Amino acid sequence: MAKFAKKKDGDLPAVSTASLPDIVFMLLFFFMTVTTMKDSSLLVENTLPNASEIKKLEKKDRVIYIYVGKPTQEYQKVFGTEPKIQLNDKFANVDEVGSYILAERAKKPQEIQNVLTTALKVDKDANMGLIADIKQQLREVNALKVNYTTYEGNAFNNLQ
């Protein structure tokens, strides 16, 4: 008679890897849906001022951003240290603000084109003359809903 080998009790069964592709794709779809893409990189220094009376914007898809501040270290050799306007990922002159707003408005769906808000993210050390010129350009293209982006805090801290 043949002898049969006795099964060892200490062996663990092999781990099944059949469901690993399902888990990987489930994680991939999760991160694809919750990740937001960065709109533009900041080319200007942007230390926002403090304000005591603030209101949060509800719908971010109805906002067009304009950044104002002095260029960052890497751009100061080319553009100097005077405050500049950043529209999307490039520096711009005051004359280009109106056409930028019109182009951004045209990209939006028809039903929200009349309710767009222009958000000015202005460095607290920027001069008010540049801001007044930007606001004049906004008036010319009928972009009258303007928001100044700030941090919540005591407004008297801006004087320092």
Protein backbone atom coordinates (compact mmCIF):
# COMPACT_ATOMS: atom_id res chain seq x y z
CA MET A 1 0.00 0.00 0.00
CA ALA A 2 1.08 3.48 -0.78
CA LYS A 3 1.66 5.94 1.93
CA PHE A 4 -0.10 9.27 1.81
CA ALA A 5 1.58 12.36 3.13
CA LYS A 6 -0.25 14.00 5.94
CA LYS A 7 -1.32 17.59 5.33
CA LYS A 8 0.56 20.09 7.44
CA ASP A 9 -1.72 22.12 9.71
CA GLY A 10 0.45 25.30 9.87
CA ASP A 11 0.22 26.35 6.18
CA LEU A 12 -1.88 29.38 5.27
CA PRO A 13 -3.73 29.48 1.97
CA ALA A 14 -2.42 31.88 -0.69
CA VAL A 15 -3.93 35.36 -0.80
CA SER A 16 -6.28 35.82 -3.73
CA THR A 17 -5.32 38.79 -5.93
CA ALA A 18 -8.36 38.54 -8.20
CA SER A 19 -10.06 41.60 -6.68
CA LEU A 20 -7.00 43.88 -6.68
CA PRO A 21 -7.70 45.46 -10.11
CA ASP A 22 -11.23 46.30 -8.98
CA ILE A 23 -9.89 48.03 -5.87
CA VAL A 24 -7.27 49.96 -7.85
CA PHE A 25 -9.81 51.23 -10.37
CA MET A 26 -12.25 52.14 -7.61
CA LEU A 27 -9.54 54.26 -5.94
CA LEU A 28 -8.56 55.78 -9.28
CA PHE A 29 -12.15 56.86 -10.03
CA PHE A 30 -12.52 58.24 -6.51
CA PHE A 31 -9.44 60.45 -6.80
CA MET A 32 -10.40 61.55 -10.32
CA THR A 33 -13.78 62.78 -9.10
CA VAL A 34 -12.69 64.58 -5.92
CA THR A 35 -9.48 66.19 -7.20
CA THR A 36 -9.72 69.77 -8.43
CA MET A 37 -7.33 71.13 -10.99
CA LYS A 38 -5.36 74.25 -10.26
CA ASP A 39 -6.61 77.16 -12.36
CA SER A 40 -3.47 79.23 -12.54
CA SER A 41 -0.16 79.61 -10.78
CA LEU A 42 0.46 82.80 -8.88
CA LEU A 43 3.03 85.08 -10.54
CA VAL A 44 2.55 87.98 -8.10
CA GLU A 45 3.01 88.26 -4.35
CA ASN A 46 -0.47 88.37 -2.93
CA THR A 47 -0.77 89.18 0.77
CA LEU A 48 -4.46 89.86 1.17
CA PRO A 49 -5.68 92.51 3.62
CA ASN A 50 -7.90 91.82 6.63
CA ALA A 51 -11.55 92.83 6.86
CA SER A 52 -14.11 92.48 9.60
CA GLU A 53 -17.29 92.33 7.47
CA ILE A 54 -16.90 89.52 4.96
CA LYS A 55 -19.21 87.30 2.97
CA LYS A 56 -18.25 84.03 1.33
CA LEU A 57 -18.95 83.57 -2.37
CA GLU A 58 -21.31 80.65 -2.85
CA LYS A 59 -20.76 79.57 -6.44
CA LYS A 60 -17.13 79.51 -7.56
CA ASP A 61 -17.98 78.82 -11.20
CA ARG A 62 -19.44 82.33 -11.49
CA VAL A 63 -16.24 84.12 -10.52
CA ILE A 64 -13.53 85.64 -12.72
CA TYR A 65 -10.27 86.31 -10.85
CA ILE A 66 -7.86 89.21 -11.34
CA TYR A 67 -4.64 89.20 -9.27
CA VAL A 68 -2.70 92.37 -8.46
CA GLY A 69 0.62 92.57 -6.66
CA LYS A 70 4.33 92.93 -7.16
CA PRO A 71 5.96 90.13 -9.17
CA THR A 72 7.53 87.21 -7.32
CA GLN A 73 11.32 86.99 -6.93
CA GLU A 74 11.85 85.07 -10.16
CA TYR A 75 9.99 87.67 -12.26
CA GLN A 76 11.32 90.83 -10.58
CA LYS A 77 14.42 90.97 -12.81
CA VAL A 78 12.23 91.19 -15.91
CA PHE A 79 9.16 93.11 -14.68
CA GLY A 80 10.53 95.13 -11.74
CA THR A 81 8.98 95.54 -8.32
CA GLU A 82 5.99 97.72 -9.19
CA PRO A 83 2.56 96.05 -8.76
CA LYS A 84 1.42 94.18 -11.87
CA ILE A 85 -1.86 92.67 -13.03
CA GLN A 86 -2.06 88.90 -13.55
CA LEU A 87 -4.78 87.51 -15.79
CA ASN A 88 -4.78 83.69 -15.84
CA ASP A 89 -1.09 82.74 -16.17
CA LYS A 90 0.36 85.93 -17.65
CA PHE A 91 1.08 89.52 -16.76
CA ALA A 92 -1.16 92.11 -18.41
CA ASN A 93 -1.65 95.84 -18.79
CA VAL A 94 -4.72 97.71 -17.61
CA ASP A 95 -5.92 97.98 -21.22
CA GLU A 96 -6.18 94.17 -21.48
CA VAL A 97 -8.57 93.76 -18.53
CA GLY A 98 -11.73 94.57 -20.52
CA SER A 99 -10.99 92.10 -23.31
CA TYR A 100 -10.04 89.45 -20.72
CA ILE A 101 -13.40 89.84 -18.95
CA LEU A 102 -15.27 89.62 -22.24
CA ALA A 103 -13.34 86.49 -23.26
CA GLU A 104 -13.94 84.81 -19.89
CA ARG A 105 -17.62 85.76 -20.02
CA ALA A 106 -17.92 84.16 -23.46
CA LYS A 107 -16.52 80.87 -22.10
CA LYS A 108 -19.30 80.59 -19.51
CA PRO A 109 -22.76 79.17 -20.21
CA GLN A 110 -25.33 81.67 -21.49
CA GLU A 111 -27.56 81.46 -18.42
CA ILE A 112 -24.83 82.62 -15.99
CA GLN A 113 -23.14 85.27 -18.15
CA ASN A 114 -25.18 88.07 -16.59
CA VAL A 115 -24.48 87.05 -12.97
CA LEU A 116 -20.69 86.77 -13.12
CA THR A 117 -18.63 88.31 -10.32
CA THR A 118 -15.16 89.75 -10.83
CA ALA A 119 -13.00 88.95 -7.80
CA LEU A 120 -10.02 91.21 -7.25
CA LYS A 121 -7.26 89.54 -5.26
CA VAL A 122 -5.17 92.60 -4.51
CA ASP A 123 -1.99 92.71 -2.44
CA LYS A 124 -2.40 94.99 0.56
CA ASP A 125 0.63 97.05 -0.54
CA ALA A 126 -0.69 97.73 -4.08
CA ASN A 127 -1.49 101.34 -4.93
CA MET A 128 -5.11 102.38 -5.29
CA GLY A 129 -4.53 104.14 -8.63
CA LEU A 130 -4.00 100.78 -10.36
CA ILE A 131 -7.18 99.42 -8.75
CA ALA A 132 -9.15 102.48 -9.90
CA ASP A 133 -7.89 101.92 -13.48
CA ILE A 134 -8.98 98.25 -13.33
CA LYS A 135 -12.41 99.26 -12.02
CA GLN A 136 -12.76 101.76 -14.88
CA GLN A 137 -12.03 98.99 -17.40
CA LEU A 138 -14.62 96.79 -15.67
CA ARG A 139 -17.21 99.56 -15.97
CA GLU A 140 -16.54 99.87 -19.69
CA VAL A 141 -17.39 96.19 -20.29
CA ASN A 142 -20.36 96.33 -17.88
CA ALA A 143 -18.78 94.01 -15.29
CA LEU A 144 -20.25 95.87 -12.35
CA LYS A 145 -20.35 93.09 -9.77
CA VAL A 146 -16.93 93.34 -8.08
CA ASN A 147 -15.68 91.44 -5.05
CA TYR A 148 -12.52 92.19 -3.08
CA THR A 149 -11.01 89.00 -1.67
CA THR A 150 -9.74 89.39 1.91
CA TYR A 151 -8.95 87.47 5.07
CA GLU A 152 -11.22 87.67 8.08
CA GLY A 153 -9.69 89.75 10.82
CA ASN A 154 -9.29 93.20 12.26
CA ALA A 155 -9.08 95.83 9.52
CA PHE A 156 -6.80 98.00 11.66
CA ASN A 157 -4.04 95.40 11.23
CA ASN A 158 -3.72 96.59 7.61
CA LEU A 159 -2.27 99.89 8.78
CA GLN A 160 0.93 98.31 10.07
